[in-house]
Amino acid sequence: MNIIEIDSLETKGLEPFFKLTETQLRNRLDPQMGIFIAESPKVIKVALDEGCVPVSLLMAKRHIDGDAQEIISRCPNIPIYTGEVDLLSQLAGFKLTRGVLCAFRRPSPRTVEAVVGTGRRVVVLDTIADATNVGAIFRSAAALGMDAVLLTPTCCDPLNRRSVRVSMGTVFQIPWAYLGNEPSEWPGAGMERLHGLGFKTAAMALSDNSVSIDDSQLMAEEKLAIIMGTEGDGLSSKTIASCDYVVRIPMFHQVDSLNVAAASAVAFWQLRSHH
């Protein structure tokens, strides 16, 4: 094992864990050099199972002969940075509650067509900015039968550290891709792409012409793209006008809406494919 004991954040190789911002980790100028961070043995194991390439590990000493043994055995020759948990927390400025972190090489971006494949149900995340919501939606999508997740160009990165953690590793299990690279490509070109792939589009929004989520025609669609809007503002009027359906979740007690992560779970369960 290539164990490196640390006593300072200046130790070479620690930058991905403590110093680099999410944007720097992503490295837009050279995606092949991008890094993402996975936290906790469970999430790291899922990433390894799905073929992600590890770069380095950071963990408290007690994990080396503890719950990180399997991970270490699967990551031969990469650096393992370690120290006592109190020291690591002091250096980091926050408590490393999960104890084991792994820096992985970012996978190559995938095309929408490759991700969708023969799928019948996909979700489109439109400008969702909160990493926690993105992670929670991925977890629901994986658990409730969605075939793929597509993201508009202004949506939060699914490999953001918090998104990865909240998703419990499902960001590695369910295929995903961006619907274009520039904000100007949505909804116009992105919506055309979905329709070209044979999908009817369903905007989750409050509208006078909306149909209930249990509408029989909606549920019977062969291929359906469920479009979830950003926190607070929801979907733009232009996006809603471009969709084949506007869909509402019936509410009680004068509640007008749900958090986007909660709404996604309801939508995915009700509109899942029964094939």
C-alpha atoms as a PDB file:
ATOM      1  CA  MET A   1       0.000   0.000   0.000  1.00  0.00           C
ATOM      2  CA  ASN A   2       1.187   3.467  -0.925  1.00  0.00           C
ATOM      3  CA  ILE A   3       0.365   5.120   2.423  1.00  0.00           C
ATOM      4  CA  ILE A   4       1.251   8.788   2.886  1.00  0.00           C
ATOM      5  CA  GLU A   5       0.864  10.275   6.371  1.00  0.00           C
ATOM      6  CA  ILE A   6      -0.050  13.931   6.290  1.00  0.00           C
ATOM      7  CA  ASP A   7       0.474  16.728   8.784  1.00  0.00           C
ATOM      8  CA  SER A   8      -0.334  19.681   6.545  1.00  0.00           C
ATOM      9  CA  LEU A   9      -2.757  20.594   3.777  1.00  0.00           C
ATOM     10  CA  GLU A  10       0.300  21.546   1.741  1.00  0.00           C
ATOM     11  CA  THR A  11       1.094  17.858   1.177  1.00  0.00           C
ATOM     12  CA  LYS A  12       1.266  17.414  -2.590  1.00  0.00           C
ATOM     13  CA  GLY A  13      -1.698  15.454  -3.928  1.00  0.00           C
ATOM     14  CA  LEU A  14      -4.284  16.682  -1.406  1.00  0.00           C
ATOM     15  CA  GLU A  15      -5.536  19.485  -3.662  1.00  0.00           C
ATOM     16  CA  PRO A  16      -8.629  17.648  -4.980  1.00  0.00           C
ATOM     17  CA  PHE A  17      -9.872  16.960  -1.458  1.00  0.00           C
ATOM     18  CA  PHE A  18      -9.426  20.356   0.141  1.00  0.00           C
ATOM     19  CA  LYS A  19      -8.289  23.139  -2.198  1.00  0.00           C
ATOM     20  CA  LEU A  20      -9.981  22.841  -5.589  1.00  0.00           C
ATOM     21  CA  THR A  21     -13.452  24.257  -6.227  1.00  0.00           C
ATOM     22  CA  GLU A  22     -16.092  22.178  -7.988  1.00  0.00           C
ATOM     23  CA  THR A  23     -15.411  24.129 -11.180  1.00  0.00           C
ATOM     24  CA  GLN A  24     -11.676  23.449 -10.929  1.00  0.00           C
ATOM     25  CA  LEU A  25     -12.336  19.762 -10.258  1.00  0.00           C
ATOM     26  CA  ARG A  26     -14.518  19.586 -13.333  1.00  0.00           C
ATOM     27  CA  ASN A  27     -11.835  21.264 -15.438  1.00  0.00           C
ATOM     28  CA  ARG A  28     -14.006  22.394 -18.324  1.00  0.00           C
ATOM     29  CA  LEU A  29     -10.958  23.265 -20.460  1.00  0.00           C
ATOM     30  CA  ASP A  30      -9.793  19.648 -20.450  1.00  0.00           C
ATOM     31  CA  PRO A  31     -12.529  17.216 -19.325  1.00  0.00           C
ATOM     32  CA  GLN A  32     -10.110  14.296 -19.664  1.00  0.00           C
ATOM     33  CA  MET A  33      -8.223  15.702 -16.676  1.00  0.00           C
ATOM     34  CA  GLY A  34     -11.342  16.311 -14.580  1.00  0.00           C
ATOM     35  CA  ILE A  35     -11.776  14.860 -11.103  1.00  0.00           C
ATOM     36  CA  PHE A  36     -14.741  14.172  -8.863  1.00  0.00           C
ATOM     37  CA  ILE A  37     -14.874  13.199  -5.190  1.00  0.00           C
ATOM     38  CA  ALA A  38     -16.874  10.291  -3.743  1.00  0.00           C
ATOM     39  CA  GLU A  39     -17.436  10.029   0.011  1.00  0.00           C
ATOM     40  CA  SER A  40     -18.108   6.957   2.206  1.00  0.00           C
ATOM     41  CA  PRO A  41     -17.143   3.328   1.569  1.00  0.00           C
ATOM     42  CA  LYS A  42     -20.577   2.467   0.165  1.00  0.00           C
ATOM     43  CA  VAL A  43     -20.572   5.208  -2.479  1.00  0.00           C
ATOM     44  CA  ILE A  44     -16.942   4.535  -3.405  1.00  0.00           C
ATOM     45  CA  LYS A  45     -17.701   0.839  -3.926  1.00  0.00           C
ATOM     46  CA  VAL A  46     -20.589   1.702  -6.247  1.00  0.00           C
ATOM     47  CA  ALA A  47     -18.300   3.983  -8.268  1.00  0.00           C
ATOM     48  CA  LEU A  48     -15.706   1.201  -8.561  1.00  0.00           C
ATOM     49  CA  ASP A  49     -18.393  -1.330  -9.529  1.00  0.00           C
ATOM     50  CA  GLU A  50     -19.481   0.976 -12.360  1.00  0.00           C
ATOM     51  CA  GLY A  51     -15.943   1.284 -13.748  1.00  0.00           C
ATOM     52  CA  CYS A  52     -14.884   4.687 -12.407  1.00  0.00           C
ATOM     53  CA  VAL A  53     -11.091   5.077 -12.280  1.00  0.00           C
ATOM     54  CA  PRO A  54      -9.667   5.974  -8.829  1.00  0.00           C
ATOM     55  CA  VAL A  55      -6.832   8.495  -8.499  1.00  0.00           C
ATOM     56  CA  SER A  56      -6.201   8.729  -4.750  1.00  0.00           C
ATOM     57  CA  LEU A  57      -7.760   8.017  -1.346  1.00  0.00           C
ATOM     58  CA  LEU A  58      -8.017  10.047   1.839  1.00  0.00           C
ATOM     59  CA  MET A  59      -9.038   8.404   5.090  1.00  0.00           C
ATOM     60  CA  ALA A  60      -8.587   8.390   8.837  1.00  0.00           C
ATOM     61  CA  LYS A  61      -6.066   5.776   9.973  1.00  0.00           C
ATOM     62  CA  ARG A  62      -8.654   3.554  11.608  1.00  0.00           C
ATOM     63  CA  HIS A  63     -10.309   2.876   8.265  1.00  0.00           C
ATOM     64  CA  ILE A  64      -7.181   1.334   6.707  1.00  0.00           C
ATOM     65  CA  ASP A  65      -7.680  -1.890   8.641  1.00  0.00           C
ATOM     66  CA  GLY A  66     -11.410  -1.290   8.977  1.00  0.00           C
ATOM     67  CA  ASP A  67     -14.217  -0.676   6.510  1.00  0.00           C
ATOM     68  CA  ALA A  68     -11.874   0.579   3.755  1.00  0.00           C
ATOM     69  CA  GLN A  69      -9.975  -2.711   3.401  1.00  0.00           C
ATOM     70  CA  GLU A  70     -11.964  -3.882   0.379  1.00  0.00           C
ATOM     71  CA  ILE A  71     -11.626  -0.489  -1.327  1.00  0.00           C
ATOM     72  CA  ILE A  72      -7.865  -0.440  -0.785  1.00  0.00           C
ATOM     73  CA  SER A  73      -7.545  -3.964  -2.204  1.00  0.00           C
ATOM     74  CA  ARG A  74      -9.383  -2.810  -5.345  1.00  0.00           C
ATOM     75  CA  CYS A  75      -7.214   0.298  -5.779  1.00  0.00           C
ATOM     76  CA  PRO A  76      -3.634  -0.984  -5.888  1.00  0.00           C
ATOM     77  CA  ASN A  77      -0.762   1.491  -6.177  1.00  0.00           C
ATOM     78  CA  ILE A  78      -2.753   4.718  -5.812  1.00  0.00           C
ATOM     79  CA  PRO A  79      -1.755   7.107  -2.983  1.00  0.00           C
ATOM     80  CA  ILE A  80      -3.595   6.665   0.320  1.00  0.00           C
ATOM     81  CA  TYR A  81      -3.392   9.885   2.333  1.00  0.00           C
ATOM     82  CA  THR A  82      -4.057   9.349   6.023  1.00  0.00           C
ATOM     83  CA  GLY A  83      -3.799  10.745   9.529  1.00  0.00           C
ATOM     84  CA  GLU A  84      -5.666  10.718  12.812  1.00  0.00           C
ATOM     85  CA  VAL A  85      -9.298  11.770  12.439  1.00  0.00           C
ATOM     86  CA  ASP A  86      -8.941  14.805  14.726  1.00  0.00           C
ATOM     87  CA  LEU A  87      -5.961  16.050  12.724  1.00  0.00           C
ATOM     88  CA  LEU A  88      -7.745  15.578   9.403  1.00  0.00           C
ATOM     89  CA  SER A  89     -10.798  17.417  10.688  1.00  0.00           C
ATOM     90  CA  GLN A  90      -8.611  20.215  12.014  1.00  0.00           C
ATOM     91  CA  LEU A  91      -6.792  20.546   8.711  1.00  0.00           C
ATOM     92  CA  ALA A  92      -9.957  20.396   6.664  1.00  0.00           C
ATOM     93  CA  GLY A  93     -11.876  22.785   8.886  1.00  0.00           C
ATOM     94  CA  PHE A  94     -14.815  20.364   9.118  1.00  0.00           C
ATOM     95  CA  LYS A  95     -15.410  16.903  10.546  1.00  0.00           C
ATOM     96  CA  LEU A  96     -14.848  14.057   8.089  1.00  0.00           C
ATOM     97  CA  THR A  97     -17.958  12.211   9.232  1.00  0.00           C
ATOM     98  CA  ARG A  98     -17.750   9.542   6.550  1.00  0.00           C
ATOM     99  CA  GLY A  99     -14.053   8.950   7.092  1.00  0.00           C
ATOM    100  CA  VAL A 100     -13.146   7.759   3.572  1.00  0.00           C
ATOM    101  CA  LEU A 101     -12.920   9.892   0.425  1.00  0.00           C
ATOM    102  CA  CYS A 102     -11.791   8.906  -3.046  1.00  0.00           C
ATOM    103  CA  ALA A 103     -10.789  11.124  -5.957  1.00  0.00           C
ATOM    104  CA  PHE A 104     -11.850   9.619  -9.290  1.00  0.00           C
ATOM    105  CA  ARG A 105     -11.132  10.535 -12.882  1.00  0.00           C
ATOM    106  CA  ARG A 106     -14.240  12.028 -14.519  1.00  0.00           C
ATOM    107  CA  PRO A 107     -15.727   9.698 -17.136  1.00  0.00           C
ATOM    108  CA  SER A 108     -15.937  10.895 -20.733  1.00  0.00           C
ATOM    109  CA  PRO A 109     -19.186  12.732 -21.542  1.00  0.00           C
ATOM    110  CA  ARG A 110     -21.859  10.624 -23.222  1.00  0.00           C
ATOM    111  CA  THR A 111     -24.267  11.609 -25.974  1.00  0.00           C
ATOM    112  CA  VAL A 112     -27.993  11.924 -25.426  1.00  0.00           C
ATOM    113  CA  GLU A 113     -28.614   9.221 -28.012  1.00  0.00           C
ATOM    114  CA  ALA A 114     -26.253   6.751 -26.325  1.00  0.00           C
ATOM    115  CA  VAL A 115     -27.748   7.427 -22.905  1.00  0.00           C
ATOM    116  CA  VAL A 116     -31.372   7.139 -23.991  1.00  0.00           C
ATOM    117  CA  GLY A 117     -30.899   4.026 -26.111  1.00  0.00           C
ATOM    118  CA  THR A 118     -34.146   2.051 -26.143  1.00  0.00           C
ATOM    119  CA  GLY A 119     -35.420   3.690 -22.967  1.00  0.00           C
ATOM    120  CA  ARG A 120     -39.109   4.520 -22.570  1.00  0.00           C
ATOM    121  CA  ARG A 121     -38.951   6.898 -19.609  1.00  0.00           C
ATOM    122  CA  VAL A 122     -36.416   9.676 -19.133  1.00  0.00           C
ATOM    123  CA  VAL A 123     -36.292  12.677 -16.836  1.00  0.00           C
ATOM    124  CA  VAL A 124     -35.068  16.104 -17.885  1.00  0.00           C
ATOM    125  CA  LEU A 125     -33.682  18.370 -15.163  1.00  0.00           C
ATOM    126  CA  ASP A 126     -34.118  21.973 -16.269  1.00  0.00           C
ATOM    127  CA  THR A 127     -31.770  24.448 -14.564  1.00  0.00           C
ATOM    128  CA  ILE A 128     -31.915  22.728 -11.173  1.00  0.00           C
ATOM    129  CA  ALA A 129     -29.175  24.469  -9.217  1.00  0.00           C
ATOM    130  CA  ASP A 130     -29.127  22.708  -5.857  1.00  0.00           C
ATOM    131  CA  ALA A 131     -26.745  19.731  -5.734  1.00  0.00           C
ATOM    132  CA  THR A 132     -28.783  18.087  -2.967  1.00  0.00           C
ATOM    133  CA  ASN A 133     -31.905  18.133  -5.138  1.00  0.00           C
ATOM    134  CA  VAL A 134     -30.003  16.738  -8.124  1.00  0.00           C
ATOM    135  CA  GLY A 135     -28.637  13.878  -6.016  1.00  0.00           C
ATOM    136  CA  ALA A 136     -32.056  13.110  -4.536  1.00  0.00           C
ATOM    137  CA  ILE A 137     -33.684  13.096  -7.980  1.00  0.00           C
ATOM    138  CA  PHE A 138     -31.056  10.693  -9.310  1.00  0.00           C
ATOM    139  CA  ARG A 139     -31.729   8.345  -6.407  1.00  0.00           C
ATOM    140  CA  SER A 140     -35.473   8.422  -7.077  1.00  0.00           C
ATOM    141  CA  ALA A 141     -34.937   8.006 -10.823  1.00  0.00           C
ATOM    142  CA  ALA A 142     -32.814   4.910 -10.275  1.00  0.00           C
ATOM    143  CA  ALA A 143     -35.186   3.425  -7.701  1.00  0.00           C
ATOM    144  CA  LEU A 144     -38.431   4.142  -9.552  1.00  0.00           C
ATOM    145  CA  GLY A 145     -37.738   2.967 -13.066  1.00  0.00           C
ATOM    146  CA  MET A 146     -36.406   5.891 -15.074  1.00  0.00           C
ATOM    147  CA  ASP A 147     -34.133   4.780 -17.914  1.00  0.00           C
ATOM    148  CA  ALA A 148     -31.945   7.896 -18.097  1.00  0.00           C
ATOM    149  CA  VAL A 149     -31.474  11.427 -16.775  1.00  0.00           C
ATOM    150  CA  LEU A 150     -30.906  14.343 -19.137  1.00  0.00           C
ATOM    151  CA  LEU A 151     -29.784  17.777 -17.957  1.00  0.00           C
ATOM    152  CA  THR A 152     -30.122  21.188 -19.533  1.00  0.00           C
ATOM    153  CA  PRO A 153     -26.838  23.114 -19.980  1.00  0.00           C
ATOM    154  CA  THR A 154     -27.434  25.269 -16.874  1.00  0.00           C
ATOM    155  CA  CYS A 155     -28.213  22.375 -14.536  1.00  0.00           C
ATOM    156  CA  CYS A 156     -25.966  21.462 -11.590  1.00  0.00           C
ATOM    157  CA  ASP A 157     -23.251  18.873 -12.268  1.00  0.00           C
ATOM    158  CA  PRO A 158     -24.365  15.384 -11.121  1.00  0.00           C
ATOM    159  CA  LEU A 159     -20.760  14.657 -10.089  1.00  0.00           C
ATOM    160  CA  ASN A 160     -20.711  17.571  -7.659  1.00  0.00           C
ATOM    161  CA  ARG A 161     -19.476  16.163  -4.333  1.00  0.00           C
ATOM    162  CA  ARG A 162     -22.785  16.770  -2.530  1.00  0.00           C
ATOM    163  CA  SER A 163     -24.856  15.395  -5.401  1.00  0.00           C
ATOM    164  CA  VAL A 164     -22.785  12.200  -5.462  1.00  0.00           C
ATOM    165  CA  ARG A 165     -23.200  11.792  -1.701  1.00  0.00           C
ATOM    166  CA  VAL A 166     -26.963  12.404  -1.607  1.00  0.00           C
ATOM    167  CA  SER A 167     -27.541  10.119  -4.591  1.00  0.00           C
ATOM    168  CA  MET A 168     -25.872   7.244  -2.690  1.00  0.00           C
ATOM    169  CA  GLY A 169     -23.911   6.471  -5.839  1.00  0.00           C
ATOM    170  CA  THR A 170     -26.870   6.202  -8.221  1.00  0.00           C
ATOM    171  CA  VAL A 171     -25.257   8.925 -10.373  1.00  0.00           C
ATOM    172  CA  PHE A 172     -22.905   6.119 -11.456  1.00  0.00           C
ATOM    173  CA  GLN A 173     -25.688   3.619 -12.098  1.00  0.00           C
ATOM    174  CA  ILE A 174     -28.288   5.472 -14.128  1.00  0.00           C
ATOM    175  CA  PRO A 175     -27.010   6.877 -17.461  1.00  0.00           C
ATOM    176  CA  TRP A 176     -27.061  10.647 -17.927  1.00  0.00           C
ATOM    177  CA  ALA A 177     -26.030  13.315 -20.399  1.00  0.00           C
ATOM    178  CA  TYR A 178     -26.374  17.036 -21.050  1.00  0.00           C
ATOM    179  CA  LEU A 179     -28.917  18.245 -23.606  1.00  0.00           C
ATOM    180  CA  GLY A 180     -26.413  20.555 -25.285  1.00  0.00           C
ATOM    181  CA  ASN A 181     -23.483  22.666 -24.130  1.00  0.00           C
ATOM    182  CA  GLU A 182     -24.874  26.206 -24.274  1.00  0.00           C
ATOM    183  CA  PRO A 183     -27.930  27.730 -22.526  1.00  0.00           C
ATOM    184  CA  SER A 184     -29.249  28.817 -25.921  1.00  0.00           C
ATOM    185  CA  GLU A 185     -29.763  25.160 -26.880  1.00  0.00           C
ATOM    186  CA  TRP A 186     -32.686  24.788 -24.453  1.00  0.00           C
ATOM    187  CA  PRO A 187     -35.553  24.514 -24.903  1.00  0.00           C
ATOM    188  CA  GLY A 188     -35.415  24.871 -28.710  1.00  0.00           C
ATOM    189  CA  ALA A 189     -32.790  22.425 -29.964  1.00  0.00           C
ATOM    190  CA  GLY A 190     -33.047  20.201 -26.893  1.00  0.00           C
ATOM    191  CA  MET A 191     -36.805  19.791 -27.217  1.00  0.00           C
ATOM    192  CA  GLU A 192     -36.452  19.021 -30.928  1.00  0.00           C
ATOM    193  CA  ARG A 193     -33.906  16.371 -30.043  1.00  0.00           C
ATOM    194  CA  LEU A 194     -36.299  14.701 -27.605  1.00  0.00           C
ATOM    195  CA  HIS A 195     -39.140  14.739 -30.117  1.00  0.00           C
ATOM    196  CA  GLY A 196     -36.783  13.405 -32.777  1.00  0.00           C
ATOM    197  CA  LEU A 197     -36.031  10.438 -30.530  1.00  0.00           C
ATOM    198  CA  GLY A 198     -39.746   9.684 -30.341  1.00  0.00           C
ATOM    199  CA  PHE A 199     -40.494  11.118 -26.890  1.00  0.00           C
ATOM    200  CA  LYS A 200     -43.625  12.940 -25.861  1.00  0.00           C
ATOM    201  CA  THR A 201     -42.669  15.663 -23.401  1.00  0.00           C
ATOM    202  CA  ALA A 202     -44.445  16.289 -20.093  1.00  0.00           C
ATOM    203  CA  ALA A 203     -43.815  19.531 -18.206  1.00  0.00           C
ATOM    204  CA  MET A 204     -44.410  19.242 -14.460  1.00  0.00           C
ATOM    205  CA  ALA A 205     -46.053  22.608 -13.811  1.00  0.00           C
ATOM    206  CA  LEU A 206     -49.125  24.360 -12.455  1.00  0.00           C
ATOM    207  CA  SER A 207     -51.227  25.568 -15.361  1.00  0.00           C
ATOM    208  CA  ASP A 208     -54.873  26.076 -16.273  1.00  0.00           C
ATOM    209  CA  ASN A 209     -54.549  23.530 -19.075  1.00  0.00           C
ATOM    210  CA  SER A 210     -52.682  20.881 -17.091  1.00  0.00           C
ATOM    211  CA  VAL A 211     -53.764  17.254 -16.805  1.00  0.00           C
ATOM    212  CA  SER A 212     -53.604  15.176 -13.656  1.00  0.00           C
ATOM    213  CA  ILE A 213     -50.583  12.932 -13.242  1.00  0.00           C
ATOM    214  CA  ASP A 214     -52.878   9.897 -13.413  1.00  0.00           C
ATOM    215  CA  ASP A 215     -54.325  10.894 -16.803  1.00  0.00           C
ATOM    216  CA  SER A 216     -54.823   7.655 -18.758  1.00  0.00           C
ATOM    217  CA  GLN A 217     -53.522   8.977 -22.096  1.00  0.00           C
ATOM    218  CA  LEU A 218     -50.408  10.420 -20.454  1.00  0.00           C
ATOM    219  CA  MET A 219     -49.643   7.180 -18.612  1.00  0.00           C
ATOM    220  CA  ALA A 220     -50.126   5.142 -21.794  1.00  0.00           C
ATOM    221  CA  GLU A 221     -47.503   7.038 -23.827  1.00  0.00           C
ATOM    222  CA  GLU A 222     -44.902   4.679 -25.286  1.00  0.00           C
ATOM    223  CA  LYS A 223     -42.001   7.072 -24.669  1.00  0.00           C
ATOM    224  CA  LEU A 224     -42.200   9.931 -22.218  1.00  0.00           C
ATOM    225  CA  ALA A 225     -39.736  12.615 -21.095  1.00  0.00           C
ATOM    226  CA  ILE A 226     -40.688  14.064 -17.693  1.00  0.00           C
ATOM    227  CA  ILE A 227     -39.389  17.626 -17.357  1.00  0.00           C
ATOM    228  CA  MET A 228     -38.709  18.987 -13.861  1.00  0.00           C
ATOM    229  CA  GLY A 229     -38.113  22.706 -13.326  1.00  0.00           C
ATOM    230  CA  THR A 230     -35.740  24.731 -11.214  1.00  0.00           C
ATOM    231  CA  GLU A 231     -36.317  25.444  -7.540  1.00  0.00           C
ATOM    232  CA  GLY A 232     -38.630  28.380  -6.943  1.00  0.00           C
ATOM    233  CA  ASP A 233     -39.381  29.537 -10.484  1.00  0.00           C
ATOM    234  CA  GLY A 234     -40.202  26.151 -11.987  1.00  0.00           C
ATOM    235  CA  LEU A 235     -40.266  25.807 -15.764  1.00  0.00           C
ATOM    236  CA  SER A 236     -40.214  28.797 -18.102  1.00  0.00           C
ATOM    237  CA  SER A 237     -43.297  29.626 -20.152  1.00  0.00           C
ATOM    238  CA  LYS A 238     -41.306  28.865 -23.309  1.00  0.00           C
ATOM    239  CA  THR A 239     -40.433  25.377 -22.079  1.00  0.00           C
ATOM    240  CA  ILE A 240     -44.028  24.689 -21.028  1.00  0.00           C
ATOM    241  CA  ALA A 241     -45.344  25.853 -24.412  1.00  0.00           C
ATOM    242  CA  SER A 242     -42.919  23.483 -26.176  1.00  0.00           C
ATOM    243  CA  CYS A 243     -44.202  20.381 -24.332  1.00  0.00           C
ATOM    244  CA  ASP A 244     -46.892  17.939 -25.375  1.00  0.00           C
ATOM    245  CA  TYR A 245     -48.396  17.806 -21.871  1.00  0.00           C
ATOM    246  CA  VAL A 246     -48.505  20.034 -18.826  1.00  0.00           C
ATOM    247  CA  VAL A 247     -48.877  17.820 -15.775  1.00  0.00           C
ATOM    248  CA  ARG A 248     -49.918  18.537 -12.189  1.00  0.00           C
ATOM    249  CA  ILE A 249     -49.847  16.477  -9.016  1.00  0.00           C
ATOM    250  CA  PRO A 250     -53.222  16.824  -7.238  1.00  0.00           C
ATOM    251  CA  MET A 251     -52.789  18.558  -3.861  1.00  0.00           C
ATOM    252  CA  PHE A 252     -54.767  18.886  -0.649  1.00  0.00           C
ATOM    253  CA  HIS A 253     -55.017  21.507   2.133  1.00  0.00           C
ATOM    254  CA  GLN A 254     -54.323  24.344  -0.316  1.00  0.00           C
ATOM    255  CA  VAL A 255     -50.700  23.229  -0.729  1.00  0.00           C
ATOM    256  CA  ASP A 256     -49.686  24.500  -4.164  1.00  0.00           C
ATOM    257  CA  SER A 257     -46.500  22.526  -4.816  1.00  0.00           C
ATOM    258  CA  LEU A 258     -43.858  20.107  -3.556  1.00  0.00           C
ATOM    259  CA  ASN A 259     -40.096  20.430  -3.396  1.00  0.00           C
ATOM    260  CA  VAL A 260     -38.723  19.354  -6.784  1.00  0.00           C
ATOM    261  CA  ALA A 261     -37.053  16.250  -5.324  1.00  0.00           C
ATOM    262  CA  ALA A 262     -40.301  15.117  -3.645  1.00  0.00           C
ATOM    263  CA  ALA A 263     -42.340  15.895  -6.757  1.00  0.00           C
ATOM    264  CA  SER A 264     -39.949  13.874  -8.896  1.00  0.00           C
ATOM    265  CA  ALA A 265     -40.453  10.745  -6.771  1.00  0.00           C
ATOM    266  CA  VAL A 266     -44.233  11.026  -7.126  1.00  0.00           C
ATOM    267  CA  ALA A 267     -43.964  11.610 -10.883  1.00  0.00           C
ATOM    268  CA  PHE A 268     -41.522   8.756 -11.494  1.00  0.00           C
ATOM    269  CA  TRP A 269     -43.657   6.241  -9.625  1.00  0.00           C
ATOM    270  CA  GLN A 270     -46.906   7.241 -11.294  1.00  0.00           C
ATOM    271  CA  LEU A 271     -45.513   7.573 -14.834  1.00  0.00           C
ATOM    272  CA  ARG A 272     -43.067   4.654 -14.846  1.00  0.00           C
ATOM    273  CA  SER A 273     -43.223   2.296 -17.810  1.00  0.00           C
ATOM    274  CA  HIS A 274     -45.246  -0.858 -17.225  1.00  0.00           C
ATOM    275  CA  HIS A 275     -43.623  -2.765 -20.075  1.00  0.00           C
END
